[in-house]
Amino acid sequence: MDSTAIIVAVITAVGGIIASILHLFRKENREDHAIVTEQIRLVHRSVNRIGDKVDSHLIWHSEGQHGTTTRRDQKRTAID
């Protein structure tokens, strides 16, 4: 058997193994990317909700409803 043929076969086999390993890493990377993307979306929604609450609170203050009574006091008065 020719030594050239053996070398070519070994190179082809090693190349196939490397290609398979790279394919696995790419698949894992896509899965990790999907997980990270979803987590970023969750954080984004949370930040937006907090921003909305802060905006509402600032409006509450700007409308002059921050006098001596608290919301809890206002609720108690409404109940009584």
C-alpha atoms as a PDB file:
ATOM      1  CA  MET A   1       0.000   0.000   0.000  1.00  0.00           C
ATOM      2  CA  ASP A   2       1.203   3.453  -0.820  1.00  0.00           C
ATOM      3  CA  SER A   3       2.172   5.702   2.115  1.00  0.00           C
ATOM      4  CA  THR A   4       0.574   8.675   0.361  1.00  0.00           C
ATOM      5  CA  ALA A   5      -2.806   6.980   0.451  1.00  0.00           C
ATOM      6  CA  ILE A   6      -2.434   6.314   4.181  1.00  0.00           C
ATOM      7  CA  ILE A   7      -1.501   9.937   4.883  1.00  0.00           C
ATOM      8  CA  VAL A   8      -4.463  11.184   2.843  1.00  0.00           C
ATOM      9  CA  ALA A   9      -6.805   8.811   4.691  1.00  0.00           C
ATOM     10  CA  VAL A  10      -5.495   9.952   8.093  1.00  0.00           C
ATOM     11  CA  ILE A  11      -5.839  13.631   7.142  1.00  0.00           C
ATOM     12  CA  THR A  12      -9.387  13.012   5.907  1.00  0.00           C
ATOM     13  CA  ALA A  13     -10.321  11.159   9.100  1.00  0.00           C
ATOM     14  CA  VAL A  14      -8.841  13.851  11.349  1.00  0.00           C
ATOM     15  CA  GLY A  15     -10.583  16.546   9.280  1.00  0.00           C
ATOM     16  CA  GLY A  16     -13.901  14.719   9.640  1.00  0.00           C
ATOM     17  CA  ILE A  17     -13.483  14.467  13.406  1.00  0.00           C
ATOM     18  CA  ILE A  18     -12.595  18.163  13.698  1.00  0.00           C
ATOM     19  CA  ALA A  19     -15.607  19.109  11.549  1.00  0.00           C
ATOM     20  CA  SER A  20     -17.902  17.016  13.770  1.00  0.00           C
ATOM     21  CA  ILE A  21     -16.571  18.640  16.929  1.00  0.00           C
ATOM     22  CA  LEU A  22     -16.990  22.131  15.453  1.00  0.00           C
ATOM     23  CA  HIS A  23     -20.563  21.289  14.484  1.00  0.00           C
ATOM     24  CA  LEU A  24     -21.325  20.256  18.077  1.00  0.00           C
ATOM     25  CA  PHE A  25     -19.854  23.501  19.398  1.00  0.00           C
ATOM     26  CA  ARG A  26     -21.942  25.541  16.961  1.00  0.00           C
ATOM     27  CA  LYS A  27     -25.103  23.723  18.037  1.00  0.00           C
ATOM     28  CA  GLU A  28     -24.288  24.309  21.699  1.00  0.00           C
ATOM     29  CA  ASN A  29     -23.516  27.959  20.965  1.00  0.00           C
ATOM     30  CA  ARG A  30     -26.920  28.413  19.279  1.00  0.00           C
ATOM     31  CA  GLU A  31     -28.685  26.877  22.269  1.00  0.00           C
ATOM     32  CA  ASP A  32     -26.753  29.087  24.702  1.00  0.00           C
ATOM     33  CA  HIS A  33     -27.512  32.123  22.568  1.00  0.00           C
ATOM     34  CA  ALA A  34     -31.233  31.339  22.659  1.00  0.00           C
ATOM     35  CA  ILE A  35     -31.169  31.048  26.462  1.00  0.00           C
ATOM     36  CA  VAL A  36     -29.289  34.327  26.868  1.00  0.00           C
ATOM     37  CA  THR A  37     -31.637  36.086  24.444  1.00  0.00           C
ATOM     38  CA  GLU A  38     -34.675  34.966  26.444  1.00  0.00           C
ATOM     39  CA  GLN A  39     -33.090  36.134  29.704  1.00  0.00           C
ATOM     40  CA  ILE A  40     -32.368  39.538  28.167  1.00  0.00           C
ATOM     41  CA  ARG A  41     -36.018  39.788  27.089  1.00  0.00           C
ATOM     42  CA  LEU A  42     -37.154  39.025  30.644  1.00  0.00           C
ATOM     43  CA  VAL A  43     -34.836  41.679  32.079  1.00  0.00           C
ATOM     44  CA  HIS A  44     -36.049  44.164  29.470  1.00  0.00           C
ATOM     45  CA  ARG A  45     -39.696  43.570  30.425  1.00  0.00           C
ATOM     46  CA  SER A  46     -38.861  43.950  34.127  1.00  0.00           C
ATOM     47  CA  VAL A  47     -37.016  47.199  33.528  1.00  0.00           C
ATOM     48  CA  ASN A  48     -39.949  48.532  31.511  1.00  0.00           C
ATOM     49  CA  ARG A  49     -42.403  47.640  34.290  1.00  0.00           C
ATOM     50  CA  ILE A  50     -40.219  49.335  36.884  1.00  0.00           C
ATOM     51  CA  GLY A  51     -39.918  52.372  34.606  1.00  0.00           C
ATOM     52  CA  ASP A  52     -43.693  52.537  34.321  1.00  0.00           C
ATOM     53  CA  LYS A  53     -44.031  52.370  38.109  1.00  0.00           C
ATOM     54  CA  VAL A  54     -41.464  55.136  38.577  1.00  0.00           C
ATOM     55  CA  ASP A  55     -43.244  57.280  35.989  1.00  0.00           C
ATOM     56  CA  SER A  56     -46.562  56.761  37.786  1.00  0.00           C
ATOM     57  CA  HIS A  57     -44.972  57.608  41.105  1.00  0.00           C
ATOM     58  CA  LEU A  58     -43.431  60.803  39.727  1.00  0.00           C
ATOM     59  CA  ILE A  59     -46.794  61.821  38.273  1.00  0.00           C
ATOM     60  CA  TRP A  60     -48.382  61.122  41.651  1.00  0.00           C
ATOM     61  CA  HIS A  61     -45.854  63.483  43.250  1.00  0.00           C
ATOM     62  CA  SER A  62     -46.252  66.162  40.585  1.00  0.00           C
ATOM     63  CA  GLU A  63     -50.031  66.219  41.043  1.00  0.00           C
ATOM     64  CA  GLY A  64     -49.549  67.296  44.646  1.00  0.00           C
ATOM     65  CA  GLN A  65     -50.870  64.114  46.219  1.00  0.00           C
ATOM     66  CA  HIS A  66     -47.801  63.754  48.376  1.00  0.00           C
ATOM     67  CA  GLY A  67     -49.158  65.809  51.260  1.00  0.00           C
ATOM     68  CA  THR A  68     -49.329  64.640  54.830  1.00  0.00           C
ATOM     69  CA  THR A  69     -51.444  61.582  54.129  1.00  0.00           C
ATOM     70  CA  THR A  70     -50.055  58.397  52.710  1.00  0.00           C
ATOM     71  CA  ARG A  71     -51.760  55.988  50.368  1.00  0.00           C
ATOM     72  CA  ARG A  72     -52.381  53.721  53.336  1.00  0.00           C
ATOM     73  CA  ASP A  73     -54.093  56.604  55.147  1.00  0.00           C
ATOM     74  CA  GLN A  74     -56.178  57.339  52.054  1.00  0.00           C
ATOM     75  CA  LYS A  75     -57.276  53.703  51.855  1.00  0.00           C
ATOM     76  CA  ARG A  76     -58.211  53.706  55.551  1.00  0.00           C
ATOM     77  CA  THR A  77     -60.253  56.884  55.096  1.00  0.00           C
ATOM     78  CA  ALA A  78     -62.051  55.373  52.112  1.00  0.00           C
ATOM     79  CA  ILE A  79     -62.901  52.256  54.138  1.00  0.00           C
ATOM     80  CA  ASP A  80     -64.114  54.203  57.187  1.00  0.00           C
END
